[in-house]
């Protein structure tokens, strides 16, 4: 296996006076007592941003804000670091993806139980359509992760309230529903679109769904409460963040076995659930980064 440099975005050590002064002046204290000291540039977001999607060309970025206050979707130019548009949405949750041609942004509408289809016109988000999975809450569905096979015009949606996978014909909006073992979080297609990888938050597994045979071919045990999934370019390795035991499972997708578990705890006695809710693999695939609190001393 190719060796990876594992980076958690934590800075511990001696800083210069200028760096330390900047960190202290920009420090934000959290309700837990931890403090965050932002490094570099930042963009203002909304309440509880859960997910960021980047378009294929990397010229557009979208953020879904899912807190108790106003929920919104933001469209951002990551090159100029400017907010292009922001739209209020009654309900939203995690699911967020661009179409391959970057003309549409698909957004989970949470307990409204549909997927919003926003057209991107002159850098504005225009609500054009929706894919309805069922009646609104208290009917329990709540779509989470979304993946699209653009060539086949098929959308894959996983849910957290009725533990299901929906396979949607995007042309007709007809769908087929498949039962999962528990609450799902994210879903990611393999490069050849023959497998759909699903993190089963509620059952501590990574499901491998065969998109041709339409069944779960493999169930791979991982850590507690798996959420984000990241594949390498070849699609032979999967990295799964396990949010409730501070770990990352590395899976060989040829053998469908966990080959390594990374401990991402901030310190030896860190409480479970204090880290690992996101993943990013560098372009050269030599560095795996996780978002973590920043500590200054």
C-alpha atoms as a PDB file:
ATOM      1  CA  UNK A   1       0.000   0.000   0.000  1.00  0.00           C
ATOM      2  CA  UNK A   2       1.229   3.490  -0.812  1.00  0.00           C
ATOM      3  CA  UNK A   3       2.197   5.346   2.352  1.00  0.00           C
ATOM      4  CA  UNK A   4       0.146   8.416   3.178  1.00  0.00           C
ATOM      5  CA  UNK A   5       1.078  11.421   5.220  1.00  0.00           C
ATOM      6  CA  UNK A   6      -1.773  11.720   7.723  1.00  0.00           C
ATOM      7  CA  UNK A   7      -2.522  15.291   8.743  1.00  0.00           C
ATOM      8  CA  UNK A   8      -5.046  16.463  11.275  1.00  0.00           C
ATOM      9  CA  UNK A   9      -5.524  20.182  11.040  1.00  0.00           C
ATOM     10  CA  UNK A  10      -4.177  20.905  14.506  1.00  0.00           C
ATOM     11  CA  UNK A  11      -1.290  23.224  15.333  1.00  0.00           C
ATOM     12  CA  UNK A  12       0.516  22.524  18.587  1.00  0.00           C
ATOM     13  CA  UNK A  13       3.851  24.123  19.307  1.00  0.00           C
ATOM     14  CA  UNK A  14       5.731  27.367  19.683  1.00  0.00           C
ATOM     15  CA  UNK A  15       4.565  30.221  17.471  1.00  0.00           C
ATOM     16  CA  UNK A  16       6.172  33.517  16.628  1.00  0.00           C
ATOM     17  CA  UNK A  17       4.882  36.569  18.501  1.00  0.00           C
ATOM     18  CA  UNK A  18       3.063  37.820  15.382  1.00  0.00           C
ATOM     19  CA  UNK A  19       1.417  34.466  14.696  1.00  0.00           C
ATOM     20  CA  UNK A  20       0.438  34.026  18.320  1.00  0.00           C
ATOM     21  CA  UNK A  21      -0.972  37.562  18.574  1.00  0.00           C
ATOM     22  CA  UNK A  22      -3.050  36.991  15.421  1.00  0.00           C
ATOM     23  CA  UNK A  23      -4.339  33.657  16.718  1.00  0.00           C
ATOM     24  CA  UNK A  24      -5.259  35.088  20.114  1.00  0.00           C
ATOM     25  CA  UNK A  25      -6.989  38.145  18.653  1.00  0.00           C
ATOM     26  CA  UNK A  26      -9.102  35.936  16.376  1.00  0.00           C
ATOM     27  CA  UNK A  27      -9.749  33.176  18.890  1.00  0.00           C
ATOM     28  CA  UNK A  28     -13.339  31.989  19.256  1.00  0.00           C
ATOM     29  CA  UNK A  29     -14.435  30.169  22.420  1.00  0.00           C
ATOM     30  CA  UNK A  30     -16.819  27.259  21.926  1.00  0.00           C
ATOM     31  CA  UNK A  31     -19.535  26.156  24.403  1.00  0.00           C
ATOM     32  CA  UNK A  32     -17.340  23.153  25.264  1.00  0.00           C
ATOM     33  CA  UNK A  33     -14.543  25.418  26.498  1.00  0.00           C
ATOM     34  CA  UNK A  34     -12.304  24.662  23.517  1.00  0.00           C
ATOM     35  CA  UNK A  35     -11.076  27.600  21.499  1.00  0.00           C
ATOM     36  CA  UNK A  36     -10.611  27.927  17.749  1.00  0.00           C
ATOM     37  CA  UNK A  37      -7.906  30.142  16.282  1.00  0.00           C
ATOM     38  CA  UNK A  38      -8.514  30.510  12.530  1.00  0.00           C
ATOM     39  CA  UNK A  39      -5.448  30.337  10.313  1.00  0.00           C
ATOM     40  CA  UNK A  40      -5.377  31.914   6.864  1.00  0.00           C
ATOM     41  CA  UNK A  41      -8.402  33.387   5.123  1.00  0.00           C
ATOM     42  CA  UNK A  42     -12.011  32.572   5.906  1.00  0.00           C
ATOM     43  CA  UNK A  43     -15.434  33.096   4.364  1.00  0.00           C
ATOM     44  CA  UNK A  44     -18.573  33.829   6.405  1.00  0.00           C
ATOM     45  CA  UNK A  45     -21.073  30.977   6.253  1.00  0.00           C
ATOM     46  CA  UNK A  46     -24.499  30.344   7.742  1.00  0.00           C
ATOM     47  CA  UNK A  47     -25.715  28.464  10.802  1.00  0.00           C
ATOM     48  CA  UNK A  48     -24.277  24.927  11.152  1.00  0.00           C
ATOM     49  CA  UNK A  49     -22.746  24.314   7.690  1.00  0.00           C
ATOM     50  CA  UNK A  50     -22.841  20.534   7.254  1.00  0.00           C
ATOM     51  CA  UNK A  51     -21.479  19.974   3.773  1.00  0.00           C
ATOM     52  CA  UNK A  52     -19.454  21.584   1.011  1.00  0.00           C
ATOM     53  CA  UNK A  53     -19.696  20.518  -2.641  1.00  0.00           C
ATOM     54  CA  UNK A  54     -17.176  21.543  -5.280  1.00  0.00           C
ATOM     55  CA  UNK A  55     -18.035  21.419  -8.993  1.00  0.00           C
ATOM     56  CA  UNK A  56     -16.033  19.302 -11.435  1.00  0.00           C
ATOM     57  CA  UNK A  57     -14.137  22.315 -12.832  1.00  0.00           C
ATOM     58  CA  UNK A  58     -13.563  23.614  -9.290  1.00  0.00           C
ATOM     59  CA  UNK A  59     -14.958  26.986 -10.364  1.00  0.00           C
ATOM     60  CA  UNK A  60     -18.011  26.725  -8.111  1.00  0.00           C
ATOM     61  CA  UNK A  61     -18.529  25.722  -4.497  1.00  0.00           C
ATOM     62  CA  UNK A  62     -21.781  25.240  -2.608  1.00  0.00           C
ATOM     63  CA  UNK A  63     -22.423  25.135   1.132  1.00  0.00           C
ATOM     64  CA  UNK A  64     -25.526  23.886   2.930  1.00  0.00           C
ATOM     65  CA  UNK A  65     -26.293  25.582   6.275  1.00  0.00           C
ATOM     66  CA  UNK A  66     -28.486  23.423   8.484  1.00  0.00           C
ATOM     67  CA  UNK A  67     -28.813  24.990  11.939  1.00  0.00           C
ATOM     68  CA  UNK A  68     -31.722  25.964  14.169  1.00  0.00           C
ATOM     69  CA  UNK A  69     -31.886  29.443  12.649  1.00  0.00           C
ATOM     70  CA  UNK A  70     -32.258  30.380   8.993  1.00  0.00           C
ATOM     71  CA  UNK A  71     -31.274  27.481   6.748  1.00  0.00           C
ATOM     72  CA  UNK A  72     -29.684  28.396   3.444  1.00  0.00           C
ATOM     73  CA  UNK A  73     -27.653  27.311   0.428  1.00  0.00           C
ATOM     74  CA  UNK A  74     -24.673  29.434  -0.568  1.00  0.00           C
ATOM     75  CA  UNK A  75     -22.996  29.504  -3.982  1.00  0.00           C
ATOM     76  CA  UNK A  76     -19.363  30.650  -3.840  1.00  0.00           C
ATOM     77  CA  UNK A  77     -16.593  31.364  -6.324  1.00  0.00           C
ATOM     78  CA  UNK A  78     -13.635  29.595  -4.635  1.00  0.00           C
ATOM     79  CA  UNK A  79     -11.089  31.357  -6.876  1.00  0.00           C
ATOM     80  CA  UNK A  80     -12.136  34.918  -6.087  1.00  0.00           C
ATOM     81  CA  UNK A  81     -13.479  33.824  -2.667  1.00  0.00           C
ATOM     82  CA  UNK A  82     -16.698  35.736  -3.279  1.00  0.00           C
ATOM     83  CA  UNK A  83     -20.263  34.838  -2.413  1.00  0.00           C
ATOM     84  CA  UNK A  84     -22.214  34.590  -5.658  1.00  0.00           C
ATOM     85  CA  UNK A  85     -25.658  33.818  -4.270  1.00  0.00           C
ATOM     86  CA  UNK A  86     -27.494  32.689  -1.162  1.00  0.00           C
ATOM     87  CA  UNK A  87     -31.001  31.242  -1.030  1.00  0.00           C
ATOM     88  CA  UNK A  88     -33.125  30.456   1.999  1.00  0.00           C
ATOM     89  CA  UNK A  89     -34.532  26.938   2.144  1.00  0.00           C
ATOM     90  CA  UNK A  90     -37.285  25.879   4.601  1.00  0.00           C
ATOM     91  CA  UNK A  91     -35.462  22.649   5.480  1.00  0.00           C
ATOM     92  CA  UNK A  92     -32.166  21.136   4.415  1.00  0.00           C
ATOM     93  CA  UNK A  93     -29.680  18.468   5.460  1.00  0.00           C
ATOM     94  CA  UNK A  94     -26.191  17.428   4.309  1.00  0.00           C
ATOM     95  CA  UNK A  95     -27.055  16.131   0.802  1.00  0.00           C
ATOM     96  CA  UNK A  96     -25.441  18.406  -1.790  1.00  0.00           C
ATOM     97  CA  UNK A  97     -23.996  17.763  -5.262  1.00  0.00           C
ATOM     98  CA  UNK A  98     -23.451  19.478  -8.613  1.00  0.00           C
ATOM     99  CA  UNK A  99     -24.368  17.938 -11.946  1.00  0.00           C
ATOM    100  CA  UNK A 100     -21.363  17.121 -14.132  1.00  0.00           C
ATOM    101  CA  UNK A 101     -22.156  19.983 -16.516  1.00  0.00           C
ATOM    102  CA  UNK A 102     -22.369  22.383 -13.529  1.00  0.00           C
ATOM    103  CA  UNK A 103     -25.780  23.631 -14.637  1.00  0.00           C
ATOM    104  CA  UNK A 104     -27.636  22.176 -11.638  1.00  0.00           C
ATOM    105  CA  UNK A 105     -27.163  21.895  -7.885  1.00  0.00           C
ATOM    106  CA  UNK A 106     -29.121  19.184  -6.070  1.00  0.00           C
ATOM    107  CA  UNK A 107     -29.915  19.760  -2.404  1.00  0.00           C
ATOM    108  CA  UNK A 108     -31.508  17.574   0.252  1.00  0.00           C
ATOM    109  CA  UNK A 109     -34.603  19.240   1.707  1.00  0.00           C
ATOM    110  CA  UNK A 110     -34.368  17.257   4.943  1.00  0.00           C
ATOM    111  CA  UNK A 111     -37.690  16.482   6.592  1.00  0.00           C
ATOM    112  CA  UNK A 112     -39.614  17.908   3.648  1.00  0.00           C
ATOM    113  CA  UNK A 113     -38.584  14.600   2.033  1.00  0.00           C
ATOM    114  CA  UNK A 114     -37.565  15.790  -1.396  1.00  0.00           C
ATOM    115  CA  UNK A 115     -34.487  16.869  -3.349  1.00  0.00           C
ATOM    116  CA  UNK A 116     -34.450  20.454  -4.621  1.00  0.00           C
ATOM    117  CA  UNK A 117     -33.114  21.019  -8.146  1.00  0.00           C
ATOM    118  CA  UNK A 118     -31.528  24.457  -8.479  1.00  0.00           C
ATOM    119  CA  UNK A 119     -30.535  25.635 -11.935  1.00  0.00           C
ATOM    120  CA  UNK A 120     -27.355  27.713 -11.965  1.00  0.00           C
ATOM    121  CA  UNK A 121     -27.993  30.692 -14.218  1.00  0.00           C
ATOM    122  CA  UNK A 122     -25.575  33.628 -14.345  1.00  0.00           C
ATOM    123  CA  UNK A 123     -24.121  32.516 -11.012  1.00  0.00           C
ATOM    124  CA  UNK A 124     -27.551  32.500  -9.352  1.00  0.00           C
ATOM    125  CA  UNK A 125     -29.474  29.578  -7.840  1.00  0.00           C
ATOM    126  CA  UNK A 126     -32.934  29.268  -9.415  1.00  0.00           C
ATOM    127  CA  UNK A 127     -35.270  26.638  -7.964  1.00  0.00           C
ATOM    128  CA  UNK A 128     -36.544  24.775 -11.019  1.00  0.00           C
ATOM    129  CA  UNK A 129     -37.852  21.447  -9.820  1.00  0.00           C
ATOM    130  CA  UNK A 130     -37.883  18.856  -7.054  1.00  0.00           C
ATOM    131  CA  UNK A 131     -37.708  15.077  -6.733  1.00  0.00           C
ATOM    132  CA  UNK A 132     -40.361  14.060  -4.214  1.00  0.00           C
ATOM    133  CA  UNK A 133     -39.703  10.900  -2.199  1.00  0.00           C
ATOM    134  CA  UNK A 134     -42.852  11.091  -0.084  1.00  0.00           C
ATOM    135  CA  UNK A 135     -45.065  13.335   2.013  1.00  0.00           C
ATOM    136  CA  UNK A 136     -43.482  15.760   4.456  1.00  0.00           C
ATOM    137  CA  UNK A 137     -42.723  15.125   8.124  1.00  0.00           C
ATOM    138  CA  UNK A 138     -44.108  13.399  10.218  1.00  0.00           C
ATOM    139  CA  UNK A 139     -43.736  10.930   7.345  1.00  0.00           C
ATOM    140  CA  UNK A 140     -40.235   9.649   8.086  1.00  0.00           C
ATOM    141  CA  UNK A 141     -37.764   9.676   5.180  1.00  0.00           C
ATOM    142  CA  UNK A 142     -35.220  12.546   5.479  1.00  0.00           C
ATOM    143  CA  UNK A 143     -32.733  12.251   2.585  1.00  0.00           C
ATOM    144  CA  UNK A 144     -29.052  12.650   3.449  1.00  0.00           C
ATOM    145  CA  UNK A 145     -26.271  11.779   0.967  1.00  0.00           C
ATOM    146  CA  UNK A 146     -26.718  12.175  -2.812  1.00  0.00           C
ATOM    147  CA  UNK A 147     -24.698  10.732  -5.712  1.00  0.00           C
ATOM    148  CA  UNK A 148     -25.374  11.071  -9.455  1.00  0.00           C
ATOM    149  CA  UNK A 149     -24.509   8.944 -12.467  1.00  0.00           C
ATOM    150  CA  UNK A 150     -24.822  11.757 -15.019  1.00  0.00           C
ATOM    151  CA  UNK A 151     -24.350   9.533 -18.070  1.00  0.00           C
ATOM    152  CA  UNK A 152     -27.205   7.238 -17.037  1.00  0.00           C
ATOM    153  CA  UNK A 153     -29.280  10.086 -15.560  1.00  0.00           C
ATOM    154  CA  UNK A 154     -29.644   8.183 -12.295  1.00  0.00           C
ATOM    155  CA  UNK A 155     -29.614   9.705  -8.822  1.00  0.00           C
ATOM    156  CA  UNK A 156     -28.816   7.720  -5.682  1.00  0.00           C
ATOM    157  CA  UNK A 157     -30.214   9.032  -2.396  1.00  0.00           C
ATOM    158  CA  UNK A 158     -29.754   7.567   1.073  1.00  0.00           C
ATOM    159  CA  UNK A 159     -31.928   8.423   4.071  1.00  0.00           C
ATOM    160  CA  UNK A 160     -31.647   8.567   7.838  1.00  0.00           C
ATOM    161  CA  UNK A 161     -35.243   8.224   9.006  1.00  0.00           C
ATOM    162  CA  UNK A 162     -36.509   5.243   7.020  1.00  0.00           C
ATOM    163  CA  UNK A 163     -33.071   3.621   6.488  1.00  0.00           C
ATOM    164  CA  UNK A 164     -33.320   3.379   2.713  1.00  0.00           C
ATOM    165  CA  UNK A 165     -31.587   3.822  -0.619  1.00  0.00           C
ATOM    166  CA  UNK A 166     -33.639   5.470  -3.375  1.00  0.00           C
ATOM    167  CA  UNK A 167     -32.579   5.002  -6.997  1.00  0.00           C
ATOM    168  CA  UNK A 168     -34.227   7.723  -9.094  1.00  0.00           C
ATOM    169  CA  UNK A 169     -34.672   7.961 -12.851  1.00  0.00           C
ATOM    170  CA  UNK A 170     -33.942  11.662 -13.235  1.00  0.00           C
ATOM    171  CA  UNK A 171     -35.878  11.916 -16.504  1.00  0.00           C
ATOM    172  CA  UNK A 172     -39.152  10.526 -15.148  1.00  0.00           C
ATOM    173  CA  UNK A 173     -38.585  11.041 -11.368  1.00  0.00           C
ATOM    174  CA  UNK A 174     -39.714   7.463 -10.808  1.00  0.00           C
ATOM    175  CA  UNK A 175     -37.747   5.649  -8.138  1.00  0.00           C
ATOM    176  CA  UNK A 176     -37.095   2.272  -6.578  1.00  0.00           C
ATOM    177  CA  UNK A 177     -36.483   1.944  -2.848  1.00  0.00           C
ATOM    178  CA  UNK A 178     -34.103  -0.525  -1.182  1.00  0.00           C
ATOM    179  CA  UNK A 179     -33.965  -1.197   2.560  1.00  0.00           C
ATOM    180  CA  UNK A 180     -30.751  -0.575   4.490  1.00  0.00           C
ATOM    181  CA  UNK A 181     -29.849  -1.939   7.904  1.00  0.00           C
ATOM    182  CA  UNK A 182     -29.979   1.402   9.742  1.00  0.00           C
ATOM    183  CA  UNK A 183     -29.572   5.166   9.299  1.00  0.00           C
ATOM    184  CA  UNK A 184     -27.399   6.107   6.314  1.00  0.00           C
ATOM    185  CA  UNK A 185     -25.184   9.184   6.005  1.00  0.00           C
ATOM    186  CA  UNK A 186     -23.172   9.543   2.778  1.00  0.00           C
ATOM    187  CA  UNK A 187     -22.973   7.725  -0.552  1.00  0.00           C
ATOM    188  CA  UNK A 188     -20.222   7.812  -3.186  1.00  0.00           C
ATOM    189  CA  UNK A 189     -20.034   6.158  -6.620  1.00  0.00           C
ATOM    190  CA  UNK A 190     -16.947   4.271  -7.764  1.00  0.00           C
ATOM    191  CA  UNK A 191     -15.121   5.755 -10.797  1.00  0.00           C
ATOM    192  CA  UNK A 192     -16.738   3.165 -13.096  1.00  0.00           C
ATOM    193  CA  UNK A 193     -20.162   3.731 -11.451  1.00  0.00           C
ATOM    194  CA  UNK A 194     -20.544  -0.025 -10.823  1.00  0.00           C
ATOM    195  CA  UNK A 195     -20.467   0.290  -7.042  1.00  0.00           C
ATOM    196  CA  UNK A 196     -22.149   2.702  -4.681  1.00  0.00           C
ATOM    197  CA  UNK A 197     -20.465   3.017  -1.291  1.00  0.00           C
ATOM    198  CA  UNK A 198     -22.823   3.897   1.568  1.00  0.00           C
ATOM    199  CA  UNK A 199     -21.822   4.815   5.106  1.00  0.00           C
ATOM    200  CA  UNK A 200     -24.326   3.212   7.466  1.00  0.00           C
ATOM    201  CA  UNK A 201     -24.195   5.600  10.416  1.00  0.00           C
ATOM    202  CA  UNK A 202     -26.521   3.466  12.510  1.00  0.00           C
ATOM    203  CA  UNK A 203     -24.928   0.057  11.914  1.00  0.00           C
ATOM    204  CA  UNK A 204     -21.195   0.919  11.785  1.00  0.00           C
ATOM    205  CA  UNK A 205     -20.659  -0.498   8.301  1.00  0.00           C
ATOM    206  CA  UNK A 206     -19.693   0.545   4.809  1.00  0.00           C
ATOM    207  CA  UNK A 207     -22.155  -0.979   2.360  1.00  0.00           C
ATOM    208  CA  UNK A 208     -21.054  -1.857  -1.161  1.00  0.00           C
ATOM    209  CA  UNK A 209     -24.130  -1.656  -3.409  1.00  0.00           C
ATOM    210  CA  UNK A 210     -23.836  -3.292  -6.840  1.00  0.00           C
ATOM    211  CA  UNK A 211     -25.501  -0.805  -9.210  1.00  0.00           C
ATOM    212  CA  UNK A 212     -25.930  -3.424 -11.948  1.00  0.00           C
ATOM    213  CA  UNK A 213     -27.340  -6.275  -9.835  1.00  0.00           C
ATOM    214  CA  UNK A 214     -29.163  -3.802  -7.563  1.00  0.00           C
ATOM    215  CA  UNK A 215     -28.162  -5.397  -4.297  1.00  0.00           C
ATOM    216  CA  UNK A 216     -25.759  -4.969  -1.402  1.00  0.00           C
ATOM    217  CA  UNK A 217     -22.844  -7.197  -2.345  1.00  0.00           C
ATOM    218  CA  UNK A 218     -20.644  -6.589   0.710  1.00  0.00           C
ATOM    219  CA  UNK A 219     -20.976  -5.190   4.226  1.00  0.00           C
ATOM    220  CA  UNK A 220     -17.662  -3.971   5.670  1.00  0.00           C
ATOM    221  CA  UNK A 221     -17.494  -3.333   9.442  1.00  0.00           C
ATOM    222  CA  UNK A 222     -15.855   0.019  10.252  1.00  0.00           C
ATOM    223  CA  UNK A 223     -15.736   2.300  13.305  1.00  0.00           C
ATOM    224  CA  UNK A 224     -18.547   3.865  15.318  1.00  0.00           C
ATOM    225  CA  UNK A 225     -20.925   6.176  13.414  1.00  0.00           C
ATOM    226  CA  UNK A 226     -19.243   6.290   9.969  1.00  0.00           C
ATOM    227  CA  UNK A 227     -20.050   9.432   8.028  1.00  0.00           C
ATOM    228  CA  UNK A 228     -17.864  10.944   5.270  1.00  0.00           C
ATOM    229  CA  UNK A 229     -16.389   8.691   2.551  1.00  0.00           C
ATOM    230  CA  UNK A 230     -13.422   9.589   0.360  1.00  0.00           C
ATOM    231  CA  UNK A 231     -12.100   7.469  -2.536  1.00  0.00           C
ATOM    232  CA  UNK A 232      -8.745   7.729  -4.264  1.00  0.00           C
ATOM    233  CA  UNK A 233      -8.696   8.358  -8.025  1.00  0.00           C
ATOM    234  CA  UNK A 234      -8.268   4.692  -8.971  1.00  0.00           C
ATOM    235  CA  UNK A 235     -11.138   3.742  -6.715  1.00  0.00           C
ATOM    236  CA  UNK A 236      -9.195   0.972  -4.997  1.00  0.00           C
ATOM    237  CA  UNK A 237      -9.008   2.662  -1.579  1.00  0.00           C
ATOM    238  CA  UNK A 238     -11.750   4.136   0.590  1.00  0.00           C
ATOM    239  CA  UNK A 239     -11.261   6.345   3.624  1.00  0.00           C
ATOM    240  CA  UNK A 240     -14.182   6.424   6.066  1.00  0.00           C
ATOM    241  CA  UNK A 241     -14.422   8.907   8.947  1.00  0.00           C
ATOM    242  CA  UNK A 242     -15.876   7.403  12.119  1.00  0.00           C
ATOM    243  CA  UNK A 243     -17.206  10.282  14.173  1.00  0.00           C
ATOM    244  CA  UNK A 244     -17.952   8.500  17.438  1.00  0.00           C
ATOM    245  CA  UNK A 245     -14.609   6.805  18.061  1.00  0.00           C
ATOM    246  CA  UNK A 246     -12.188   9.390  16.638  1.00  0.00           C
ATOM    247  CA  UNK A 247     -10.900   7.163  13.851  1.00  0.00           C
ATOM    248  CA  UNK A 248     -10.569   6.718  10.104  1.00  0.00           C
ATOM    249  CA  UNK A 249     -10.946   3.297   8.494  1.00  0.00           C
ATOM    250  CA  UNK A 250      -8.831   2.662   5.373  1.00  0.00           C
ATOM    251  CA  UNK A 251     -10.377  -0.011   3.157  1.00  0.00           C
ATOM    252  CA  UNK A 252      -8.859  -1.989   0.296  1.00  0.00           C
ATOM    253  CA  UNK A 253     -11.770  -2.086  -2.158  1.00  0.00           C
ATOM    254  CA  UNK A 254     -10.299  -5.026  -4.073  1.00  0.00           C
ATOM    255  CA  UNK A 255     -10.522  -7.273  -1.027  1.00  0.00           C
ATOM    256  CA  UNK A 256     -13.226  -5.206   0.739  1.00  0.00           C
ATOM    257  CA  UNK A 257     -11.275  -5.341   3.989  1.00  0.00           C
ATOM    258  CA  UNK A 258     -10.094  -2.712   6.447  1.00  0.00           C
ATOM    259  CA  UNK A 259      -6.309  -2.617   6.142  1.00  0.00           C
ATOM    260  CA  UNK A 260      -5.589   0.173   8.622  1.00  0.00           C
ATOM    261  CA  UNK A 261      -7.342   2.284  11.264  1.00  0.00           C
ATOM    262  CA  UNK A 262      -6.031   5.787  11.962  1.00  0.00           C
ATOM    263  CA  UNK A 263      -6.428   7.219  15.455  1.00  0.00           C
ATOM    264  CA  UNK A 264      -7.502  10.842  15.026  1.00  0.00           C
ATOM    265  CA  UNK A 265      -8.030  11.688  18.703  1.00  0.00           C
ATOM    266  CA  UNK A 266      -6.675  15.043  19.840  1.00  0.00           C
ATOM    267  CA  UNK A 267      -5.095  13.445  22.912  1.00  0.00           C
ATOM    268  CA  UNK A 268      -5.024   9.929  24.491  1.00  0.00           C
ATOM    269  CA  UNK A 269      -8.074  10.426  26.720  1.00  0.00           C
ATOM    270  CA  UNK A 270     -10.117  12.467  24.229  1.00  0.00           C
ATOM    271  CA  UNK A 271     -13.842  11.702  24.602  1.00  0.00           C
ATOM    272  CA  UNK A 272     -15.478   9.719  21.840  1.00  0.00           C
ATOM    273  CA  UNK A 273     -17.164  11.840  19.229  1.00  0.00           C
ATOM    274  CA  UNK A 274     -14.738  14.758  19.483  1.00  0.00           C
ATOM    275  CA  UNK A 275     -13.379  14.493  15.941  1.00  0.00           C
ATOM    276  CA  UNK A 276     -13.451  12.929  12.457  1.00  0.00           C
ATOM    277  CA  UNK A 277     -16.481  14.186  10.595  1.00  0.00           C
ATOM    278  CA  UNK A 278     -14.796  15.069   7.295  1.00  0.00           C
ATOM    279  CA  UNK A 279     -12.043  13.920   4.936  1.00  0.00           C
ATOM    280  CA  UNK A 280      -9.965  15.337   2.099  1.00  0.00           C
ATOM    281  CA  UNK A 281      -7.306  13.629  -0.007  1.00  0.00           C
ATOM    282  CA  UNK A 282      -4.679  15.825  -1.653  1.00  0.00           C
ATOM    283  CA  UNK A 283      -4.340  15.885  -5.450  1.00  0.00           C
ATOM    284  CA  UNK A 284      -1.153  13.779  -5.323  1.00  0.00           C
ATOM    285  CA  UNK A 285      -2.945  11.385  -2.905  1.00  0.00           C
ATOM    286  CA  UNK A 286      -0.074  11.533  -0.420  1.00  0.00           C
ATOM    287  CA  UNK A 287      -1.863  13.535   2.251  1.00  0.00           C
ATOM    288  CA  UNK A 288      -5.124  12.818   4.037  1.00  0.00           C
ATOM    289  CA  UNK A 289      -6.496  15.773   5.992  1.00  0.00           C
ATOM    290  CA  UNK A 290      -9.214  15.930   8.642  1.00  0.00           C
ATOM    291  CA  UNK A 291     -10.896  19.026  10.056  1.00  0.00           C
ATOM    292  CA  UNK A 292     -10.000  19.370  13.716  1.00  0.00           C
ATOM    293  CA  UNK A 293      -9.935  22.071  16.395  1.00  0.00           C
ATOM    294  CA  UNK A 294      -6.865  24.304  16.315  1.00  0.00           C
ATOM    295  CA  UNK A 295      -4.873  24.619  19.534  1.00  0.00           C
ATOM    296  CA  UNK A 296      -2.364  27.382  20.167  1.00  0.00           C
ATOM    297  CA  UNK A 297       0.157  27.485  22.991  1.00  0.00           C
END
